[in-house]
Amino acid sequence: QVQLVESGGGLVQAGGSLRLSCLASGRSFNTENMGWYRQAAVQQRDVVARMSPRGTRTHADPVKGRFSISRDHAKNAAYLQMNNLKPEDKAVYYCTAGGSWGETDYWGQGTQVTVSS
């Protein structure tokens, strides 16, 4: 059974930083894409960042220059470093794995990020 477990969310002041972690179990994703999505209250779920197994990365325009996705194949993990956080970054952040670029096969349960102004 595949599981994606996120951690690292919490409450931070505007301008602060958080690092989200996603540990995958049940199968290896070292040859597959992983990514992060987020969903704010009463809004749709949007992609934040994606990373291919070879290291190609994309970041959504609202987070470019502030967020950075990375992976550790040895740990079957993905990370999201979030700097200079803004109140509009408040959302539930979901780890994703598998699927072709732009799609995803598996979702984590989500971790809440709250940014106070």
Protein backbone atom coordinates (compact mmCIF):
# COMPACT_ATOMS: atom_id res chain seq x y z
CA GLN A 1 0.00 0.00 0.00
CA VAL A 2 1.44 3.33 -1.09
CA GLN A 3 1.54 6.09 1.49
CA LEU A 4 2.78 9.67 1.25
CA VAL A 5 3.22 11.28 4.64
CA GLU A 6 3.76 15.03 4.83
CA SER A 7 5.18 16.92 7.76
CA GLY A 8 6.59 20.34 8.55
CA GLY A 9 3.50 22.49 8.29
CA GLY A 10 2.51 24.96 10.96
CA LEU A 11 2.03 28.59 11.83
CA VAL A 12 4.62 31.16 10.81
CA GLN A 13 4.76 34.93 10.56
CA ALA A 14 4.89 36.62 7.19
CA GLY A 15 8.46 36.65 5.92
CA GLY A 16 9.28 33.43 7.73
CA SER A 17 10.24 30.02 6.40
CA LEU A 18 9.03 26.44 6.60
CA ARG A 19 10.31 23.20 5.13
CA LEU A 20 7.79 20.56 4.21
CA SER A 21 8.82 16.92 3.99
CA CYS A 22 7.13 14.03 2.22
CA LEU A 23 8.18 10.45 2.89
CA ALA A 24 6.87 7.81 0.53
CA SER A 25 6.42 4.15 1.40
CA GLY A 26 4.99 1.09 -0.27
CA ARG A 27 6.98 1.53 -3.49
CA SER A 28 9.90 3.52 -4.83
CA PHE A 29 9.28 6.73 -6.75
CA ASN A 30 12.91 7.25 -7.69
CA THR A 31 12.10 6.89 -11.39
CA GLU A 32 8.86 8.89 -11.25
CA ASN A 33 7.75 12.46 -10.80
CA MET A 34 6.93 13.96 -7.42
CA GLY A 35 5.41 17.29 -6.55
CA TRP A 36 3.49 19.56 -4.26
CA TYR A 37 -0.01 21.03 -4.59
CA ARG A 38 -1.89 23.36 -2.32
CA GLN A 39 -5.51 24.16 -1.65
CA ALA A 40 -6.69 27.28 0.12
CA ALA A 41 -10.14 27.51 1.66
CA VAL A 42 -12.96 27.48 -0.94
CA GLN A 43 -10.43 27.39 -3.78
CA GLN A 44 -9.31 24.72 -6.18
CA ARG A 45 -6.24 22.62 -5.66
CA ASP A 46 -3.30 24.10 -7.58
CA VAL A 47 0.16 22.83 -8.39
CA VAL A 48 3.00 24.47 -6.48
CA ALA A 49 6.05 22.61 -7.77
CA ARG A 50 7.07 19.44 -9.60
CA MET A 51 10.32 17.58 -9.95
CA SER A 52 11.25 14.80 -12.33
CA PRO A 53 13.44 11.89 -11.25
CA ARG A 54 16.36 13.39 -13.17
CA GLY A 55 16.04 16.76 -11.51
CA THR A 56 13.92 18.88 -13.83
CA ARG A 57 11.94 21.30 -11.67
CA THR A 58 9.06 23.67 -12.23
CA HIS A 59 7.53 26.12 -9.78
CA ALA A 60 4.23 27.94 -10.07
CA ASP A 61 4.53 31.66 -10.78
CA PRO A 62 3.21 32.80 -7.35
CA VAL A 63 6.03 30.96 -5.57
CA LYS A 64 8.95 31.38 -7.97
CA GLY A 65 12.01 32.71 -6.22
CA ARG A 66 10.58 31.87 -2.79
CA PHE A 67 9.86 28.12 -2.83
CA SER A 68 12.15 25.31 -3.91
CA ILE A 69 11.38 21.64 -4.43
CA SER A 70 14.01 18.99 -3.87
CA ARG A 71 14.20 15.22 -3.59
CA ASP A 72 16.25 12.57 -1.85
CA HIS A 73 16.10 9.31 -3.78
CA ALA A 74 17.84 7.40 -0.99
CA LYS A 75 14.99 8.31 1.35
CA ASN A 76 12.21 8.10 -1.27
CA ALA A 77 11.34 11.62 -0.22
CA ALA A 78 10.48 15.06 -1.52
CA TYR A 79 10.80 18.43 0.17
CA LEU A 80 9.48 21.93 -0.26
CA GLN A 81 11.55 24.78 1.14
CA MET A 82 9.33 27.82 1.55
CA ASN A 83 10.94 31.18 2.22
CA ASN A 84 9.53 34.68 2.55
CA LEU A 85 6.09 33.27 3.24
CA LYS A 86 3.08 35.50 2.63
CA PRO A 87 -0.45 35.37 4.07
CA GLU A 88 -1.72 34.25 0.66
CA ASP A 89 0.43 31.10 0.95
CA LYS A 90 -1.92 29.85 3.66
CA ALA A 91 -3.29 26.52 2.47
CA VAL A 92 -3.23 22.78 2.93
CA TYR A 93 -0.17 21.46 1.11
CA TYR A 94 -0.28 18.01 -0.50
CA CYS A 95 2.57 15.81 -1.64
CA THR A 96 2.04 13.94 -4.89
CA ALA A 97 3.85 11.10 -6.63
CA GLY A 98 3.70 9.13 -9.83
CA GLY A 99 1.91 9.85 -13.06
CA SER A 100 3.07 11.66 -16.14
CA TRP A 101 4.15 15.29 -16.03
CA GLY A 102 1.07 17.30 -15.11
CA GLU A 103 -0.74 14.33 -13.61
CA THR A 104 -0.43 12.43 -10.38
CA ASP A 105 -1.24 8.94 -9.18
CA TYR A 106 -0.92 9.31 -5.42
CA TRP A 107 -1.72 12.02 -2.87
CA GLY A 108 -0.68 12.56 0.70
CA GLN A 109 -3.12 13.53 3.42
CA GLY A 110 -1.99 17.15 3.47
CA THR A 111 -0.32 19.44 5.96
CA GLN A 112 -1.64 22.85 6.99
CA VAL A 113 0.45 25.97 6.49
CA THR A 114 -0.79 29.18 8.08
CA VAL A 115 0.95 32.53 7.63
CA SER A 116 0.07 35.41 9.93
CA SER A 117 0.45 38.99 8.81
